[in-house]
All heavy atoms as atom14 arrays in JSON, in Angstrom:
{
  "sequence": "VSKDVIDAIDAGEISKYYPEKFIHRKMSLYLITRIDEKWV",
  "atom14_mask": [
    [1, 1, 1, 1, 1, 1, 1, 0, 0, 0, 0, 0, 0, 0],
    [1, 1, 1, 1, 1, 1, 0, 0, 0, 0, 0, 0, 0, 0],
    [1, 1, 1, 1, 1, 1, 1, 1, 1, 0, 0, 0, 0, 0],
    [1, 1, 1, 1, 1, 1, 1, 1, 0, 0, 0, 0, 0, 0],
    [1, 1, 1, 1, 1, 1, 1, 0, 0, 0, 0, 0, 0, 0],
    [1, 1, 1, 1, 1, 1, 1, 1, 0, 0, 0, 0, 0, 0],
    [1, 1, 1, 1, 1, 1, 1, 1, 0, 0, 0, 0, 0, 0],
    [1, 1, 1, 1, 1, 0, 0, 0, 0, 0, 0, 0, 0, 0],
    [1, 1, 1, 1, 1, 1, 1, 1, 0, 0, 0, 0, 0, 0],
    [1, 1, 1, 1, 1, 1, 1, 1, 0, 0, 0, 0, 0, 0],
    [1, 1, 1, 1, 1, 0, 0, 0, 0, 0, 0, 0, 0, 0],
    [1, 1, 1, 1, 0, 0, 0, 0, 0, 0, 0, 0, 0, 0],
    [1, 1, 1, 1, 1, 1, 1, 1, 1, 0, 0, 0, 0, 0],
    [1, 1, 1, 1, 1, 1, 1, 1, 0, 0, 0, 0, 0, 0],
    [1, 1, 1, 1, 1, 1, 0, 0, 0, 0, 0, 0, 0, 0],
    [1, 1, 1, 1, 1, 1, 1, 1, 1, 0, 0, 0, 0, 0],
    [1, 1, 1, 1, 1, 1, 1, 1, 1, 1, 1, 1, 0, 0],
    [1, 1, 1, 1, 1, 1, 1, 1, 1, 1, 1, 1, 0, 0],
    [1, 1, 1, 1, 1, 1, 1, 0, 0, 0, 0, 0, 0, 0],
    [1, 1, 1, 1, 1, 1, 1, 1, 1, 0, 0, 0, 0, 0],
    [1, 1, 1, 1, 1, 1, 1, 1, 1, 0, 0, 0, 0, 0],
    [1, 1, 1, 1, 1, 1, 1, 1, 1, 1, 1, 0, 0, 0],
    [1, 1, 1, 1, 1, 1, 1, 1, 0, 0, 0, 0, 0, 0],
    [1, 1, 1, 1, 1, 1, 1, 1, 1, 1, 0, 0, 0, 0],
    [1, 1, 1, 1, 1, 1, 1, 1, 1, 1, 1, 0, 0, 0],
    [1, 1, 1, 1, 1, 1, 1, 1, 1, 0, 0, 0, 0, 0],
    [1, 1, 1, 1, 1, 1, 1, 1, 0, 0, 0, 0, 0, 0],
    [1, 1, 1, 1, 1, 1, 0, 0, 0, 0, 0, 0, 0, 0],
    [1, 1, 1, 1, 1, 1, 1, 1, 0, 0, 0, 0, 0, 0],
    [1, 1, 1, 1, 1, 1, 1, 1, 1, 1, 1, 1, 0, 0],
    [1, 1, 1, 1, 1, 1, 1, 1, 0, 0, 0, 0, 0, 0],
    [1, 1, 1, 1, 1, 1, 1, 1, 0, 0, 0, 0, 0, 0],
    [1, 1, 1, 1, 1, 1, 1, 0, 0, 0, 0, 0, 0, 0],
    [1, 1, 1, 1, 1, 1, 1, 1, 1, 1, 1, 0, 0, 0],
    [1, 1, 1, 1, 1, 1, 1, 1, 0, 0, 0, 0, 0, 0],
    [1, 1, 1, 1, 1, 1, 1, 1, 0, 0, 0, 0, 0, 0],
    [1, 1, 1, 1, 1, 1, 1, 1, 1, 0, 0, 0, 0, 0],
    [1, 1, 1, 1, 1, 1, 1, 1, 1, 0, 0, 0, 0, 0],
    [1, 1, 1, 1, 1, 1, 1, 1, 1, 1, 1, 1, 1, 1],
    [1, 1, 1, 1, 1, 1, 1, 0, 0, 0, 0, 0, 0, 0]
  ],
  "atom14_positions": [
    [[0.85, -1.19, 0.0], [0.0, 0.0, 0.0], [0.88, 1.24, 0.0], [1.84, 1.35, 0.77], [-0.94, 0.01, 1.22], [-1.81, 1.28, 1.21], [-1.81, -1.23, 1.22], [0.0, 0.0, 0.0], [0.0, 0.0, 0.0], [0.0, 0.0, 0.0], [0.0, 0.0, 0.0], [0.0, 0.0, 0.0], [0.0, 0.0, 0.0], [0.0, 0.0, 0.0]],
    [[0.55, 2.19, -0.87], [1.31, 3.43, -0.98], [0.75, 4.49, -0.03], [-0.47, 4.63, 0.12], [1.26, 3.94, -2.42], [1.78, 5.23, -2.51], [0.0, 0.0, 0.0], [0.0, 0.0, 0.0], [0.0, 0.0, 0.0], [0.0, 0.0, 0.0], [0.0, 0.0, 0.0], [0.0, 0.0, 0.0], [0.0, 0.0, 0.0], [0.0, 0.0, 0.0]],
    [[1.63, 5.25, 0.63], [1.22, 6.33, 1.55], [0.48, 7.43, 0.79], [-0.46, 8.04, 1.31], [2.45, 6.9, 2.25], [2.13, 7.95, 3.32], [3.41, 8.41, 3.99], [3.05, 9.41, 5.11], [2.32, 10.59, 4.64], [0.0, 0.0, 0.0], [0.0, 0.0, 0.0], [0.0, 0.0, 0.0], [0.0, 0.0, 0.0], [0.0, 0.0, 0.0]],
    [[0.9, 7.68, -0.49], [0.22, 8.71, -1.28], [-1.24, 8.37, -1.51], [-2.12, 9.24, -1.5], [0.93, 8.89, -2.62], [2.34, 9.45, -2.45], [2.6, 10.08, -1.41], [3.17, 9.23, -3.36], [0.0, 0.0, 0.0], [0.0, 0.0, 0.0], [0.0, 0.0, 0.0], [0.0, 0.0, 0.0], [0.0, 0.0, 0.0], [0.0, 0.0, 0.0]],
    [[-1.52, 7.06, -1.73], [-2.9, 6.62, -1.93], [-3.72, 6.84, -0.66], [-4.85, 7.34, -0.69], [-2.92, 5.14, -2.36], [-4.34, 4.6, -2.32], [-2.33, 4.98, -3.74], [0.0, 0.0, 0.0], [0.0, 0.0, 0.0], [0.0, 0.0, 0.0], [0.0, 0.0, 0.0], [0.0, 0.0, 0.0], [0.0, 0.0, 0.0], [0.0, 0.0, 0.0]],
    [[-3.15, 6.49, 0.51], [-3.86, 6.66, 1.79], [-4.13, 8.13, 2.06], [-5.23, 8.52, 2.49], [-3.02, 6.06, 2.93], [-2.82, 4.55, 2.7], [-3.69, 6.29, 4.28], [-4.1, 3.77, 2.64], [0.0, 0.0, 0.0], [0.0, 0.0, 0.0], [0.0, 0.0, 0.0], [0.0, 0.0, 0.0], [0.0, 0.0, 0.0], [0.0, 0.0, 0.0]],
    [[-3.14, 8.99, 1.78], [-3.32, 10.42, 1.99], [-4.4, 10.98, 1.08], [-5.17, 11.87, 1.47], [-2.0, 11.16, 1.75], [-0.96, 10.86, 2.83], [-1.37, 10.41, 3.93], [0.26, 11.06, 2.57], [0.0, 0.0, 0.0], [0.0, 0.0, 0.0], [0.0, 0.0, 0.0], [0.0, 0.0, 0.0], [0.0, 0.0, 0.0], [0.0, 0.0, 0.0]],
    [[-4.47, 10.48, -0.15], [-5.5, 10.96, -1.09], [-6.89, 10.59, -0.62], [-7.84, 11.39, -0.71], [-5.23, 10.39, -2.48], [0.0, 0.0, 0.0], [0.0, 0.0, 0.0], [0.0, 0.0, 0.0], [0.0, 0.0, 0.0], [0.0, 0.0, 0.0], [0.0, 0.0, 0.0], [0.0, 0.0, 0.0], [0.0, 0.0, 0.0], [0.0, 0.0, 0.0]],
    [[-7.04, 9.34, -0.1], [-8.36, 8.93, 0.44], [-8.7, 9.74, 1.69], [-9.84, 10.19, 1.89], [-8.35, 7.42, 0.76], [-8.16, 6.6, -0.54], [-9.65, 7.0, 1.45], [-8.01, 5.12, -0.31], [0.0, 0.0, 0.0], [0.0, 0.0, 0.0], [0.0, 0.0, 0.0], [0.0, 0.0, 0.0], [0.0, 0.0, 0.0], [0.0, 0.0, 0.0]],
    [[-7.69, 9.96, 2.56], [-7.9, 10.71, 3.8], [-8.3, 12.15, 3.52], [-9.11, 12.75, 4.26], [-6.61, 10.66, 4.63], [-6.84, 11.11, 6.08], [-7.99, 10.96, 6.56], [-5.89, 11.6, 6.71], [0.0, 0.0, 0.0], [0.0, 0.0, 0.0], [0.0, 0.0, 0.0], [0.0, 0.0, 0.0], [0.0, 0.0, 0.0], [0.0, 0.0, 0.0]],
    [[-7.75, 12.73, 2.42], [-8.07, 14.12, 2.07], [-9.36, 14.23, 1.28], [-9.8, 15.34, 0.97], [-6.92, 14.71, 1.26], [0.0, 0.0, 0.0], [0.0, 0.0, 0.0], [0.0, 0.0, 0.0], [0.0, 0.0, 0.0], [0.0, 0.0, 0.0], [0.0, 0.0, 0.0], [0.0, 0.0, 0.0], [0.0, 0.0, 0.0], [0.0, 0.0, 0.0]],
    [[-10.0, 13.11, 0.96], [-11.25, 13.13, 0.23], [-11.1, 13.3, -1.26], [-12.08, 13.51, -1.97], [0.0, 0.0, 0.0], [0.0, 0.0, 0.0], [0.0, 0.0, 0.0], [0.0, 0.0, 0.0], [0.0, 0.0, 0.0], [0.0, 0.0, 0.0], [0.0, 0.0, 0.0], [0.0, 0.0, 0.0], [0.0, 0.0, 0.0], [0.0, 0.0, 0.0]],
    [[-9.87, 13.18, -1.76], [-9.65, 13.33, -3.19], [-10.22, 12.13, -3.96], [-10.7, 12.27, -5.09], [-8.16, 13.48, -3.47], [-7.57, 14.75, -2.87], [-6.06, 14.83, -3.07], [-5.51, 13.9, -3.72], [-5.43, 15.78, -2.59], [0.0, 0.0, 0.0], [0.0, 0.0, 0.0], [0.0, 0.0, 0.0], [0.0, 0.0, 0.0], [0.0, 0.0, 0.0]],
    [[-10.13, 10.96, -3.37], [-10.73, 9.74, -3.93], [-11.45, 9.0, -2.82], [-11.1, 9.13, -1.64], [-9.67, 8.81, -4.59], [-8.57, 8.45, -3.59], [-9.07, 9.46, -5.83], [-7.55, 7.46, -4.11], [0.0, 0.0, 0.0], [0.0, 0.0, 0.0], [0.0, 0.0, 0.0], [0.0, 0.0, 0.0], [0.0, 0.0, 0.0], [0.0, 0.0, 0.0]],
    [[-12.49, 8.22, -3.2], [-13.24, 7.49, -2.17], [-12.69, 6.09, -1.92], [-12.87, 5.52, -0.84], [-14.72, 7.4, -2.58], [-14.83, 6.67, -3.8], [0.0, 0.0, 0.0], [0.0, 0.0, 0.0], [0.0, 0.0, 0.0], [0.0, 0.0, 0.0], [0.0, 0.0, 0.0], [0.0, 0.0, 0.0], [0.0, 0.0, 0.0], [0.0, 0.0, 0.0]],
    [[-12.02, 5.55, -2.94], [-11.45, 4.2, -2.8], [-10.3, 4.05, -3.79], [-10.13, 4.85, -4.71], [-12.51, 3.14, -3.06], [-13.12, 3.24, -4.46], [-14.26, 2.25, -4.63], [-14.9, 2.45, -6.02], [-16.05, 1.54, -6.22], [0.0, 0.0, 0.0], [0.0, 0.0, 0.0], [0.0, 0.0, 0.0], [0.0, 0.0, 0.0], [0.0, 0.0, 0.0]],
    [[-9.55, 3.01, -3.61], [-8.4, 2.75, -4.5], [-8.23, 1.25, -4.67], [-8.36, 0.47, -3.72], [-7.12, 3.36, -3.93], [-5.9, 2.96, -4.74], [-5.58, 3.62, -5.92], [-5.09, 1.89, -4.33], [-4.49, 3.23, -6.68], [-4.0, 1.5, -5.09], [-3.71, 2.18, -6.27], [-2.64, 1.78, -7.02], [0.0, 0.0, 0.0], [0.0, 0.0, 0.0]],
    [[-7.93, 0.86, -5.93], [-7.5, -0.52, -6.22], [-6.56, -0.46, -7.42], [-6.71, 0.41, -8.29], [-8.67, -1.46, -6.49], [-9.64, -0.96, -7.53], [-9.41, -1.18, -8.89], [-10.8, -0.29, -7.15], [-10.3, -0.72, -9.84], [-11.7, 0.18, -8.1], [-11.45, -0.04, -9.44], [-12.33, 0.41, -10.38], [0.0, 0.0, 0.0], [0.0, 0.0, 0.0]],
    [[-5.55, -1.33, -7.48], [-4.58, -1.32, -8.59], [-5.29, -1.58, -9.92], [-6.34, -2.24, -9.97], [-3.61, -2.44, -8.25], [-3.78, -2.67, -6.78], [-5.21, -2.36, -6.47], [0.0, 0.0, 0.0], [0.0, 0.0, 0.0], [0.0, 0.0, 0.0], [0.0, 0.0, 0.0], [0.0, 0.0, 0.0], [0.0, 0.0, 0.0], [0.0, 0.0, 0.0]],
    [[-4.71, -1.05, -10.98], [-5.29, -1.24, -12.31], [-5.15, -2.67, -12.82], [-5.8, -3.07, -13.77], [-4.64, -0.27, -13.3], [-4.93, 1.19, -12.99], [-4.3, 2.13, -14.01], [-3.63, 1.61, -14.93], [-4.47, 3.34, -13.88], [0.0, 0.0, 0.0], [0.0, 0.0, 0.0], [0.0, 0.0, 0.0], [0.0, 0.0, 0.0], [0.0, 0.0, 0.0]],
    [[-4.27, -3.43, -12.22], [-4.1, -4.85, -12.57], [-3.42, -5.55, -11.4], [-3.01, -4.92, -10.43], [-3.25, -5.0, -13.84], [-1.86, -4.42, -13.72], [-1.1, -4.6, -15.02], [0.31, -4.01, -14.9], [1.08, -4.19, -16.14], [0.0, 0.0, 0.0], [0.0, 0.0, 0.0], [0.0, 0.0, 0.0], [0.0, 0.0, 0.0], [0.0, 0.0, 0.0]],
    [[-3.28, -6.89, -11.54], [-2.56, -7.63, -10.52], [-1.12, -7.14, -10.49], [-0.48, -6.99, -11.53], [-2.58, -9.13, -10.81], [-3.92, -9.77, -10.58], [-4.74, -10.08, -11.65], [-4.35, -10.04, -9.3], [-5.98, -10.67, -11.44], [-5.58, -10.63, -9.09], [-6.4, -10.94, -10.16], [0.0, 0.0, 0.0], [0.0, 0.0, 0.0], [0.0, 0.0, 0.0]],
    [[-0.63, -6.86, -9.28], [0.71, -6.29, -9.17], [1.61, -7.2, -8.36], [1.16, -8.09, -7.64], [0.67, -4.89, -8.51], [0.07, -4.99, -7.1], [-0.13, -3.92, -9.35], [0.17, -3.7, -6.32], [0.0, 0.0, 0.0], [0.0, 0.0, 0.0], [0.0, 0.0, 0.0], [0.0, 0.0, 0.0], [0.0, 0.0, 0.0], [0.0, 0.0, 0.0]],
    [[2.93, -6.95, -8.52], [3.97, -7.68, -7.81], [3.95, -9.16, -8.2], [3.07, -9.63, -8.9], [3.84, -7.49, -6.3], [4.02, -6.05, -5.88], [5.23, -5.44, -5.85], [3.11, -5.12, -5.48], [5.08, -4.18, -5.45], [3.8, -3.96, -5.21], [0.0, 0.0, 0.0], [0.0, 0.0, 0.0], [0.0, 0.0, 0.0], [0.0, 0.0, 0.0]],
    [[4.89, -9.84, -7.7], [5.02, -11.26, -8.05], [3.92, -12.09, -7.4], [3.62, -13.19, -7.81], [6.4, -11.78, -7.63], [7.53, -11.14, -8.44], [8.86, -11.7, -8.05], [9.93, -11.09, -8.83], [11.22, -11.36, -8.68], [11.6, -12.22, -7.74], [12.12, -10.77, -9.43], [0.0, 0.0, 0.0], [0.0, 0.0, 0.0], [0.0, 0.0, 0.0]],
    [[3.36, -11.57, -6.32], [2.26, -12.3, -5.67], [0.94, -12.08, -6.38], [-0.08, -12.6, -5.95], [2.14, -11.84, -4.22], [3.36, -12.14, -3.37], [3.13, -11.67, -1.95], [4.35, -12.0, -1.07], [4.17, -11.54, 0.33], [0.0, 0.0, 0.0], [0.0, 0.0, 0.0], [0.0, 0.0, 0.0], [0.0, 0.0, 0.0], [0.0, 0.0, 0.0]],
    [[0.96, -11.27, -7.45], [-0.26, -10.96, -8.21], [-1.33, -10.4, -7.29], [-2.47, -10.84, -7.27], [-0.76, -12.21, -8.96], [0.2, -12.69, -10.03], [-0.38, -14.11, -10.91], [-0.28, -15.36, -9.64], [0.0, 0.0, 0.0], [0.0, 0.0, 0.0], [0.0, 0.0, 0.0], [0.0, 0.0, 0.0], [0.0, 0.0, 0.0], [0.0, 0.0, 0.0]],
    [[-0.95, -9.42, -6.47], [-1.86, -8.85, -5.47], [-2.94, -8.0, -6.12], [-2.69, -7.27, -7.06], [-1.09, -7.99, -4.46], [-0.1, -8.77, -3.81], [0.0, 0.0, 0.0], [0.0, 0.0, 0.0], [0.0, 0.0, 0.0], [0.0, 0.0, 0.0], [0.0, 0.0, 0.0], [0.0, 0.0, 0.0], [0.0, 0.0, 0.0], [0.0, 0.0, 0.0]],
    [[-4.14, -8.07, -5.57], [-5.25, -7.2, -5.92], [-5.99, -6.86, -4.64], [-6.35, -7.77, -3.87], [-6.18, -7.88, -6.92], [-7.4, -7.05, -7.36], [-6.96, -5.8, -8.1], [-8.34, -7.89, -8.21], [0.0, 0.0, 0.0], [0.0, 0.0, 0.0], [0.0, 0.0, 0.0], [0.0, 0.0, 0.0], [0.0, 0.0, 0.0], [0.0, 0.0, 0.0]],
    [[-6.18, -5.6, -4.41], [-6.83, -5.2, -3.16], [-7.63, -3.93, -3.4], [-7.47, -3.25, -4.41], [-5.79, -4.97, -2.07], [-4.75, -3.93, -2.4], [-4.98, -2.58, -2.13], [-3.54, -4.28, -3.01], [-4.04, -1.61, -2.45], [-2.59, -3.32, -3.33], [-2.85, -1.99, -3.06], [-1.92, -1.04, -3.36], [0.0, 0.0, 0.0], [0.0, 0.0, 0.0]],
    [[-8.5, -3.61, -2.41], [-9.3, -2.39, -2.43], [-9.2, -1.73, -1.07], [-9.37, -2.39, -0.03], [-10.74, -2.7, -2.79], [-11.68, -1.48, -2.97], [-12.71, -1.77, -4.04], [-12.38, -1.1, -1.66], [0.0, 0.0, 0.0], [0.0, 0.0, 0.0], [0.0, 0.0, 0.0], [0.0, 0.0, 0.0], [0.0, 0.0, 0.0], [0.0, 0.0, 0.0]],
    [[-8.92, -0.43, -1.07], [-8.81, 0.34, 0.18], [-9.86, 1.44, 0.16], [-10.01, 2.15, -0.84], [-7.41, 0.95, 0.33], [-6.34, -0.15, 0.37], [-7.33, 1.79, 1.61], [-4.94, 0.37, 0.36], [0.0, 0.0, 0.0], [0.0, 0.0, 0.0], [0.0, 0.0, 0.0], [0.0, 0.0, 0.0], [0.0, 0.0, 0.0], [0.0, 0.0, 0.0]],
    [[-10.58, 1.6, 1.28], [-11.57, 2.66, 1.42], [-11.8, 2.92, 2.91], [-11.12, 2.32, 3.76], [-12.89, 2.29, 0.71], [-13.75, 3.42, 0.71], [-13.56, 1.1, 1.38], [0.0, 0.0, 0.0], [0.0, 0.0, 0.0], [0.0, 0.0, 0.0], [0.0, 0.0, 0.0], [0.0, 0.0, 0.0], [0.0, 0.0, 0.0], [0.0, 0.0, 0.0]],
    [[-12.75, 3.82, 3.19], [-13.11, 4.1, 4.58], [-14.6, 3.89, 4.77], [-15.41, 4.32, 3.96], [-12.75, 5.55, 4.95], [-11.25, 5.8, 4.91], [-10.92, 7.19, 5.4], [-11.19, 7.31, 6.84], [-10.92, 8.4, 7.53], [-10.38, 9.48, 6.94], [-11.2, 8.45, 8.83], [0.0, 0.0, 0.0], [0.0, 0.0, 0.0], [0.0, 0.0, 0.0]],
    [[-14.92, 3.19, 5.9], [-16.32, 2.98, 6.28], [-16.46, 3.4, 7.76], [-15.8, 2.8, 8.63], [-16.76, 1.51, 6.12], [-16.56, 1.07, 4.66], [-18.21, 1.32, 6.53], [-16.88, -0.39, 4.43], [0.0, 0.0, 0.0], [0.0, 0.0, 0.0], [0.0, 0.0, 0.0], [0.0, 0.0, 0.0], [0.0, 0.0, 0.0], [0.0, 0.0, 0.0]],
    [[-17.31, 4.42, 8.01], [-17.53, 4.9, 9.39], [-16.22, 5.24, 10.08], [-15.91, 4.77, 11.19], [-18.3, 3.85, 10.23], [-19.71, 3.62, 9.7], [-20.21, 4.48, 8.95], [-20.28, 2.56, 10.01], [0.0, 0.0, 0.0], [0.0, 0.0, 0.0], [0.0, 0.0, 0.0], [0.0, 0.0, 0.0], [0.0, 0.0, 0.0], [0.0, 0.0, 0.0]],
    [[-15.4, 6.01, 9.39], [-14.14, 6.51, 9.93], [-13.09, 5.43, 10.16], [-12.04, 5.68, 10.75], [-14.36, 7.27, 11.26], [-15.32, 8.43, 11.16], [-14.84, 9.48, 10.17], [-13.62, 9.71, 10.09], [-15.69, 10.05, 9.45], [0.0, 0.0, 0.0], [0.0, 0.0, 0.0], [0.0, 0.0, 0.0], [0.0, 0.0, 0.0], [0.0, 0.0, 0.0]],
    [[-13.34, 4.24, 9.68], [-12.36, 3.17, 9.84], [-11.82, 2.8, 8.46], [-12.54, 2.82, 7.46], [-12.98, 1.95, 10.51], [-13.32, 2.21, 11.98], [-13.75, 0.93, 12.66], [-14.01, 1.2, 14.16], [-14.41, -0.02, 14.86], [0.0, 0.0, 0.0], [0.0, 0.0, 0.0], [0.0, 0.0, 0.0], [0.0, 0.0, 0.0], [0.0, 0.0, 0.0]],
    [[-10.55, 2.46, 8.48], [-9.9, 2.05, 7.23], [-10.18, 0.57, 6.96], [-10.06, -0.26, 7.85], [-8.39, 2.29, 7.32], [-8.04, 3.75, 7.38], [-7.88, 4.5, 8.5], [-7.83, 4.61, 6.28], [-7.58, 5.79, 8.19], [-7.54, 5.89, 6.79], [-7.85, 4.47, 4.88], [-7.29, 7.0, 6.0], [-7.59, 5.56, 4.09], [-7.31, 6.82, 4.63]],
    [[-10.53, 0.3, 5.71], [-10.88, -1.08, 5.32], [-9.99, -1.52, 4.15], [-9.81, -0.78, 3.18], [-12.36, -1.2, 4.91], [-12.7, -2.65, 4.58], [-13.26, -0.67, 5.99], [0.0, 0.0, 0.0], [0.0, 0.0, 0.0], [0.0, 0.0, 0.0], [0.0, 0.0, 0.0], [0.0, 0.0, 0.0], [0.0, 0.0, 0.0], [0.0, 0.0, 0.0]]
  ]
}
């Protein structure tokens, strides 16, 4: 997870984030957002 992505969600610039494709050798795919002030 990138700190820039977290800061953008925290500042309200974006509501959620997920990579455009599977990344890294582990082929990771994830979604980050906030629900009721908690990070998910």
